[in-house]
């Protein structure tokens, strides 16, 4: 069975070592969260995790999911690609909407907000991410 969602707002991300699919339905102001059970180039196998799990994850990620980032070249709306632990701190990796395989940005998550990582620590955070998810993205 092939199912296609009629919303352009479909976001894959990893949170707490679990890959998720978030669907946003703008007209209905509704959101759906699924766990990605299996993934191939042609299909995703999804599982609905239940309302309690979905609400818990959404409560954790919604304040940080979309972020307006500014570089020397542009300002853009980035989306959360993954969360991961570095030391005992929660880190977030964001992707550029037009270049999600190559333009990755890392921040620390504190008090439901993202904070910049010190310049000397940034390469270590990127390296920790790549060790944890070596196949996820081409290069940060």
N, C-alpha and C. Protein backbone atom coordinates (compact mmCIF):
# COMPACT_ATOMS: atom_id res chain seq x y z
N UNK A 1 0.85 -1.18 0.00
CA UNK A 1 0.00 0.00 0.00
C UNK A 1 0.89 1.24 0.00
N UNK A 2 0.62 2.17 -0.88
CA UNK A 2 1.32 3.45 -0.94
C UNK A 2 0.38 4.54 -0.44
N UNK A 3 0.84 5.31 0.53
CA UNK A 3 0.05 6.43 1.04
C UNK A 3 0.88 7.68 0.84
N UNK A 4 0.28 8.70 0.29
CA UNK A 4 0.96 9.99 0.10
C UNK A 4 0.18 11.04 0.89
N UNK A 5 0.91 11.84 1.64
CA UNK A 5 0.27 12.89 2.43
C UNK A 5 0.11 14.14 1.57
N UNK A 6 -1.02 14.79 1.68
CA UNK A 6 -1.28 15.98 0.88
C UNK A 6 -0.91 17.25 1.63
N UNK A 7 0.26 17.26 2.19
CA UNK A 7 0.79 18.46 2.80
C UNK A 7 2.26 18.57 2.42
N UNK A 8 2.70 19.75 2.04
CA UNK A 8 4.12 19.92 1.73
C UNK A 8 4.98 20.03 2.98
N UNK A 9 4.33 20.09 4.13
CA UNK A 9 5.05 20.30 5.40
C UNK A 9 5.31 18.96 6.06
N UNK A 10 6.34 18.26 5.55
CA UNK A 10 6.73 16.95 6.05
C UNK A 10 8.19 17.02 6.47
N UNK A 11 8.48 16.67 7.71
CA UNK A 11 9.82 16.85 8.25
C UNK A 11 10.30 15.57 8.92
N UNK A 12 11.44 15.07 8.46
CA UNK A 12 12.11 13.95 9.10
C UNK A 12 13.13 14.50 10.08
N UNK A 13 13.17 13.93 11.28
CA UNK A 13 14.16 14.34 12.27
C UNK A 13 14.40 13.21 13.26
N UNK A 14 15.51 13.29 13.97
CA UNK A 14 15.84 12.30 15.00
C UNK A 14 15.79 13.00 16.35
N UNK A 15 15.09 12.36 17.28
CA UNK A 15 15.01 12.87 18.65
C UNK A 15 15.10 11.69 19.60
N UNK A 16 16.04 11.77 20.53
CA UNK A 16 16.28 10.69 21.48
C UNK A 16 16.54 9.36 20.77
N UNK A 17 17.37 9.41 19.74
CA UNK A 17 17.82 8.26 18.96
C UNK A 17 16.70 7.57 18.18
N UNK A 18 15.58 8.24 17.98
CA UNK A 18 14.46 7.68 17.24
C UNK A 18 14.17 8.61 16.07
N UNK A 19 14.04 8.02 14.87
CA UNK A 19 13.71 8.82 13.69
C UNK A 19 12.20 9.01 13.64
N UNK A 20 11.78 10.27 13.41
CA UNK A 20 10.37 10.64 13.39
C UNK A 20 10.02 11.33 12.07
N UNK A 21 8.74 11.30 11.74
CA UNK A 21 8.19 12.09 10.66
C UNK A 21 7.12 12.99 11.27
N UNK A 22 7.27 14.29 11.07
CA UNK A 22 6.30 15.26 11.54
C UNK A 22 5.55 15.81 10.34
N UNK A 23 4.24 15.74 10.40
CA UNK A 23 3.38 16.30 9.35
C UNK A 23 2.62 17.48 9.94
N UNK A 24 2.67 18.60 9.25
CA UNK A 24 1.92 19.78 9.68
C UNK A 24 0.84 20.05 8.65
N UNK A 25 -0.38 20.21 9.12
CA UNK A 25 -1.53 20.52 8.28
C UNK A 25 -1.93 21.95 8.58
N UNK A 26 -1.51 22.87 7.73
CA UNK A 26 -1.71 24.31 8.00
C UNK A 26 -3.18 24.69 8.11
N UNK A 27 -4.01 24.27 7.17
CA UNK A 27 -5.41 24.68 7.18
C UNK A 27 -6.15 24.20 8.42
N UNK A 28 -5.84 22.98 8.85
CA UNK A 28 -6.54 22.40 10.00
C UNK A 28 -5.84 22.72 11.32
N UNK A 29 -4.67 23.37 11.24
CA UNK A 29 -3.86 23.64 12.44
C UNK A 29 -3.64 22.35 13.22
N UNK A 30 -3.27 21.31 12.49
CA UNK A 30 -3.09 20.01 13.09
C UNK A 30 -1.69 19.51 12.80
N UNK A 31 -1.22 18.62 13.63
CA UNK A 31 0.10 18.02 13.45
C UNK A 31 0.00 16.53 13.78
N UNK A 32 0.77 15.74 13.04
CA UNK A 32 0.83 14.30 13.28
C UNK A 32 2.29 13.91 13.40
N UNK A 33 2.56 12.99 14.31
CA UNK A 33 3.93 12.51 14.52
C UNK A 33 3.94 11.00 14.38
N UNK A 34 4.91 10.51 13.62
CA UNK A 34 5.07 9.07 13.42
C UNK A 34 6.51 8.68 13.70
N UNK A 35 6.71 7.43 14.06
CA UNK A 35 8.05 6.86 14.18
C UNK A 35 8.37 6.17 12.87
N UNK A 36 9.57 6.41 12.36
CA UNK A 36 10.02 5.76 11.13
C UNK A 36 10.59 4.40 11.52
N UNK A 37 9.87 3.35 11.13
CA UNK A 37 10.30 1.98 11.44
C UNK A 37 11.36 1.50 10.46
N UNK A 38 11.19 1.84 9.19
CA UNK A 38 12.10 1.39 8.15
C UNK A 38 12.11 2.45 7.06
N UNK A 39 13.25 2.55 6.37
CA UNK A 39 13.39 3.57 5.33
C UNK A 39 14.17 3.01 4.17
N UNK A 40 13.66 3.24 2.97
CA UNK A 40 14.38 2.90 1.75
C UNK A 40 14.30 4.12 0.83
N UNK A 41 14.90 4.03 -0.34
CA UNK A 41 14.84 5.17 -1.26
C UNK A 41 13.43 5.40 -1.79
N UNK A 42 12.60 4.35 -1.79
CA UNK A 42 11.24 4.48 -2.31
C UNK A 42 10.17 4.66 -1.25
N UNK A 43 10.43 4.24 -0.02
CA UNK A 43 9.33 4.22 0.94
C UNK A 43 9.82 4.37 2.38
N UNK A 44 8.91 4.86 3.20
CA UNK A 44 9.09 4.89 4.66
C UNK A 44 8.03 3.98 5.26
N UNK A 45 8.42 3.20 6.23
CA UNK A 45 7.44 2.43 7.00
C UNK A 45 7.26 3.17 8.31
N UNK A 46 6.03 3.62 8.54
CA UNK A 46 5.73 4.45 9.70
C UNK A 46 4.88 3.70 10.71
N UNK A 47 5.03 4.12 11.97
CA UNK A 47 4.19 3.58 13.04
C UNK A 47 3.70 4.74 13.88
N UNK A 48 2.40 4.77 14.15
CA UNK A 48 1.87 5.79 15.05
C UNK A 48 2.20 5.36 16.47
N UNK A 49 2.92 6.20 17.23
CA UNK A 49 3.40 5.78 18.55
C UNK A 49 2.38 5.93 19.67
N UNK A 50 1.22 6.47 19.38
CA UNK A 50 0.23 6.72 20.42
C UNK A 50 0.22 8.19 20.80
N UNK A 51 -0.91 8.64 21.28
CA UNK A 51 -1.08 10.06 21.60
C UNK A 51 -0.15 10.54 22.71
N UNK A 52 0.05 9.73 23.74
CA UNK A 52 0.88 10.17 24.87
C UNK A 52 2.32 10.40 24.43
N UNK A 53 2.88 9.44 23.69
CA UNK A 53 4.25 9.59 23.20
C UNK A 53 4.35 10.79 22.26
N UNK A 54 3.41 10.89 21.32
CA UNK A 54 3.44 11.99 20.35
C UNK A 54 3.39 13.34 21.06
N UNK A 55 2.51 13.50 22.01
CA UNK A 55 2.40 14.77 22.74
C UNK A 55 3.67 15.07 23.52
N UNK A 56 4.29 14.05 24.13
CA UNK A 56 5.53 14.25 24.88
C UNK A 56 6.64 14.75 23.96
N UNK A 57 6.81 14.10 22.81
CA UNK A 57 7.86 14.51 21.87
C UNK A 57 7.57 15.90 21.32
N UNK A 58 6.34 16.15 20.93
CA UNK A 58 5.98 17.47 20.39
C UNK A 58 6.21 18.57 21.41
N UNK A 59 5.91 18.30 22.66
CA UNK A 59 6.14 19.29 23.71
C UNK A 59 7.63 19.60 23.84
N UNK A 60 8.47 18.60 23.67
CA UNK A 60 9.92 18.80 23.78
C UNK A 60 10.50 19.53 22.58
N UNK A 61 10.00 19.23 21.38
CA UNK A 61 10.67 19.78 20.18
C UNK A 61 10.02 21.03 19.61
N UNK A 62 8.75 21.25 19.88
CA UNK A 62 8.08 22.40 19.25
C UNK A 62 8.75 23.74 19.53
N UNK A 63 9.20 24.01 20.76
CA UNK A 63 9.83 25.33 20.98
C UNK A 63 11.11 25.54 20.19
N UNK A 64 11.75 24.45 19.76
CA UNK A 64 13.04 24.58 19.08
C UNK A 64 13.01 24.09 17.63
N UNK A 65 11.89 23.59 17.13
CA UNK A 65 11.87 22.91 15.84
C UNK A 65 12.24 23.83 14.67
N UNK A 66 11.60 24.96 14.57
CA UNK A 66 11.91 25.93 13.51
C UNK A 66 12.72 27.07 14.12
N UNK A 67 13.81 27.44 13.45
CA UNK A 67 14.66 28.52 13.94
C UNK A 67 15.07 29.41 12.77
N UNK A 68 14.96 30.69 12.97
CA UNK A 68 15.44 31.65 11.97
C UNK A 68 16.93 31.84 12.24
N UNK A 69 17.75 31.41 11.28
CA UNK A 69 19.20 31.50 11.42
C UNK A 69 19.74 32.55 10.45
N UNK A 70 20.82 33.16 10.86
CA UNK A 70 21.43 34.20 10.04
C UNK A 70 22.91 33.88 9.83
N UNK A 71 23.32 33.84 8.58
CA UNK A 71 24.73 33.67 8.24
C UNK A 71 25.20 34.97 7.60
N UNK A 72 26.45 35.01 7.19
CA UNK A 72 26.96 36.19 6.50
C UNK A 72 26.25 36.40 5.17
N UNK A 73 25.77 35.31 4.55
CA UNK A 73 25.16 35.40 3.23
C UNK A 73 23.65 35.58 3.25
N UNK A 74 22.96 35.04 4.26
CA UNK A 74 21.50 35.04 4.22
C UNK A 74 20.88 34.79 5.59
N UNK A 75 19.58 35.04 5.64
CA UNK A 75 18.76 34.67 6.78
C UNK A 75 17.72 33.69 6.26
N UNK A 76 17.49 32.59 7.00
CA UNK A 76 16.59 31.55 6.51
C UNK A 76 15.95 30.83 7.68
N UNK A 77 14.89 30.09 7.40
CA UNK A 77 14.19 29.30 8.40
C UNK A 77 14.72 27.87 8.35
N UNK A 78 15.48 27.49 9.36
CA UNK A 78 16.05 26.15 9.44
C UNK A 78 15.11 25.24 10.21
N UNK A 79 15.23 23.94 9.95
CA UNK A 79 14.42 22.97 10.68
C UNK A 79 15.33 22.01 11.44
N UNK A 80 14.81 21.49 12.52
CA UNK A 80 15.54 20.55 13.35
C UNK A 80 15.79 19.27 12.57
N UNK A 81 17.03 18.84 12.54
CA UNK A 81 17.39 17.58 11.90
C UNK A 81 17.61 16.47 12.90
N UNK A 82 18.18 16.83 14.07
CA UNK A 82 18.46 15.83 15.09
C UNK A 82 18.76 16.50 16.41
N UNK A 83 18.47 15.78 17.47
CA UNK A 83 18.96 16.16 18.79
C UNK A 83 19.89 15.03 19.23
N UNK A 84 20.89 15.38 20.02
CA UNK A 84 21.83 14.37 20.51
C UNK A 84 22.51 14.91 21.76
N UNK A 85 23.06 13.99 22.54
CA UNK A 85 23.75 14.35 23.76
C UNK A 85 25.23 14.57 23.47
N UNK A 86 25.77 15.62 24.07
CA UNK A 86 27.19 15.88 24.04
C UNK A 86 27.58 16.16 25.47
N UNK A 87 28.37 15.26 26.05
CA UNK A 87 28.58 15.34 27.49
C UNK A 87 27.23 15.07 28.14
N UNK A 88 26.82 15.93 28.98
CA UNK A 88 25.49 15.80 29.60
C UNK A 88 24.57 16.91 29.11
N UNK A 89 24.89 17.46 27.93
CA UNK A 89 24.11 18.56 27.38
C UNK A 89 23.38 18.12 26.13
N UNK A 90 22.21 18.69 25.92
CA UNK A 90 21.43 18.39 24.73
C UNK A 90 21.86 19.34 23.62
N UNK A 91 22.17 18.77 22.46
CA UNK A 91 22.56 19.55 21.29
C UNK A 91 21.51 19.37 20.21
N UNK A 92 21.45 20.33 19.30
CA UNK A 92 20.51 20.26 18.19
C UNK A 92 21.26 20.55 16.89
N UNK A 93 20.94 19.76 15.89
CA UNK A 93 21.50 19.97 14.56
C UNK A 93 20.35 20.45 13.67
N UNK A 94 20.58 21.55 12.97
CA UNK A 94 19.59 22.13 12.08
C UNK A 94 20.05 22.02 10.64
N UNK A 95 19.08 21.97 9.73
CA UNK A 95 19.38 21.86 8.30
C UNK A 95 18.83 23.06 7.55
N UNK A 96 19.54 23.44 6.52
CA UNK A 96 19.10 24.50 5.62
C UNK A 96 17.99 23.92 4.75
N UNK A 97 16.89 24.64 4.51
CA UNK A 97 15.79 24.07 3.74
C UNK A 97 16.13 23.75 2.29
N UNK A 98 17.07 24.46 1.70
CA UNK A 98 17.43 24.23 0.30
C UNK A 98 18.65 23.33 0.14
N UNK A 99 19.44 23.18 1.20
CA UNK A 99 20.65 22.36 1.14
C UNK A 99 20.76 21.48 2.39
N UNK A 100 19.79 20.59 2.60
CA UNK A 100 19.77 19.83 3.86
C UNK A 100 20.88 18.80 4.00
N UNK A 101 21.53 18.43 2.91
CA UNK A 101 22.60 17.45 3.00
C UNK A 101 23.96 18.07 3.31
N UNK A 102 24.10 19.35 3.07
CA UNK A 102 25.43 19.96 3.22
C UNK A 102 25.49 21.10 4.23
N UNK A 103 24.41 21.84 4.40
CA UNK A 103 24.45 23.01 5.29
C UNK A 103 23.81 22.63 6.63
N UNK A 104 24.66 22.25 7.58
CA UNK A 104 24.21 21.83 8.91
C UNK A 104 24.71 22.84 9.94
N UNK A 105 23.90 23.07 10.96
CA UNK A 105 24.22 24.06 11.99
C UNK A 105 23.94 23.45 13.35
N UNK A 106 24.85 23.66 14.30
CA UNK A 106 24.75 23.03 15.60
C UNK A 106 24.61 24.06 16.71
N UNK A 107 23.75 23.73 17.68
CA UNK A 107 23.49 24.60 18.82
C UNK A 107 23.26 23.75 20.06
N UNK A 108 23.41 24.38 21.20
CA UNK A 108 23.04 23.74 22.46
C UNK A 108 21.60 24.11 22.77
N UNK A 109 20.86 23.19 23.35
CA UNK A 109 19.48 23.44 23.75
C UNK A 109 19.46 23.61 25.26
N UNK A 110 18.97 24.78 25.69
CA UNK A 110 18.81 25.06 27.13
C UNK A 110 17.54 25.85 27.33
N UNK A 111 16.75 25.44 28.30
CA UNK A 111 15.53 26.17 28.65
C UNK A 111 14.64 26.43 27.43
N UNK A 112 14.47 25.39 26.60
CA UNK A 112 13.61 25.45 25.41
C UNK A 112 14.06 26.50 24.39
N UNK A 113 15.35 26.81 24.39
CA UNK A 113 15.92 27.74 23.42
C UNK A 113 17.26 27.20 22.94
N UNK A 114 17.68 27.67 21.77
CA UNK A 114 19.00 27.27 21.29
C UNK A 114 20.01 28.35 21.65
N UNK A 115 21.20 27.88 21.99
CA UNK A 115 22.30 28.77 22.37
C UNK A 115 23.51 28.43 21.50
N UNK A 116 24.27 29.44 21.16
CA UNK A 116 25.47 29.21 20.36
C UNK A 116 26.49 28.39 21.15
N UNK A 117 27.26 27.62 20.41
CA UNK A 117 28.33 26.80 20.98
C UNK A 117 29.63 27.57 20.81
N UNK A 118 30.47 27.55 21.82
CA UNK A 118 31.76 28.25 21.75
C UNK A 118 32.58 27.75 20.56
N UNK A 119 33.30 28.67 19.92
CA UNK A 119 34.07 28.35 18.72
C UNK A 119 35.01 27.17 18.92
N UNK A 120 35.68 27.11 20.07
CA UNK A 120 36.65 26.04 20.30
C UNK A 120 35.96 24.68 20.54
N UNK A 121 34.70 24.70 20.95
CA UNK A 121 33.98 23.46 21.22
C UNK A 121 33.19 22.98 19.99
N UNK A 122 32.87 23.86 19.09
CA UNK A 122 32.03 23.54 17.94
C UNK A 122 32.52 22.32 17.13
N UNK A 123 33.81 22.26 16.76
CA UNK A 123 34.28 21.08 16.00
C UNK A 123 34.11 19.78 16.78
N UNK A 124 34.23 19.83 18.08
CA UNK A 124 34.06 18.63 18.91
C UNK A 124 32.60 18.17 18.90
N UNK A 125 31.68 19.12 18.90
CA UNK A 125 30.24 18.80 18.84
C UNK A 125 29.92 18.18 17.48
N UNK A 126 30.45 18.76 16.40
CA UNK A 126 30.23 18.21 15.06
C UNK A 126 30.79 16.80 14.98
N UNK A 127 31.97 16.60 15.52
CA UNK A 127 32.59 15.27 15.50
C UNK A 127 31.75 14.27 16.29
N UNK A 128 31.24 14.67 17.43
CA UNK A 128 30.38 13.78 18.24
C UNK A 128 29.13 13.40 17.46
N UNK A 129 28.56 14.36 16.76
CA UNK A 129 27.38 14.09 15.94
C UNK A 129 27.71 13.08 14.85
N UNK A 130 28.82 13.29 14.14
CA UNK A 130 29.20 12.40 13.04
C UNK A 130 29.50 10.99 13.53
N UNK A 131 30.05 10.87 14.73
CA UNK A 131 30.30 9.55 15.30
C UNK A 131 28.98 8.86 15.66
N UNK A 132 28.03 9.63 16.14
CA UNK A 132 26.74 9.06 16.54
C UNK A 132 25.88 8.71 15.34
N UNK A 133 25.93 9.54 14.28
CA UNK A 133 25.08 9.35 13.09
C UNK A 133 25.94 9.42 11.83
N UNK A 134 26.85 8.47 11.62
CA UNK A 134 27.76 8.57 10.47
C UNK A 134 27.10 8.51 9.12
N UNK A 135 25.96 7.86 9.00
CA UNK A 135 25.32 7.69 7.70
C UNK A 135 24.21 8.69 7.45
N UNK A 136 23.94 9.56 8.39
CA UNK A 136 22.77 10.42 8.29
C UNK A 136 22.91 11.53 7.24
N UNK A 137 24.06 12.20 7.24
CA UNK A 137 24.25 13.32 6.32
C UNK A 137 25.61 13.24 5.67
N UNK A 138 25.71 13.84 4.52
CA UNK A 138 26.95 13.77 3.74
C UNK A 138 28.14 14.35 4.51
N UNK A 139 28.04 15.62 4.90
CA UNK A 139 29.10 16.24 5.70
C UNK A 139 28.57 17.54 6.27
N UNK A 140 28.99 17.85 7.49
CA UNK A 140 28.50 19.08 8.12
C UNK A 140 29.28 20.30 7.68
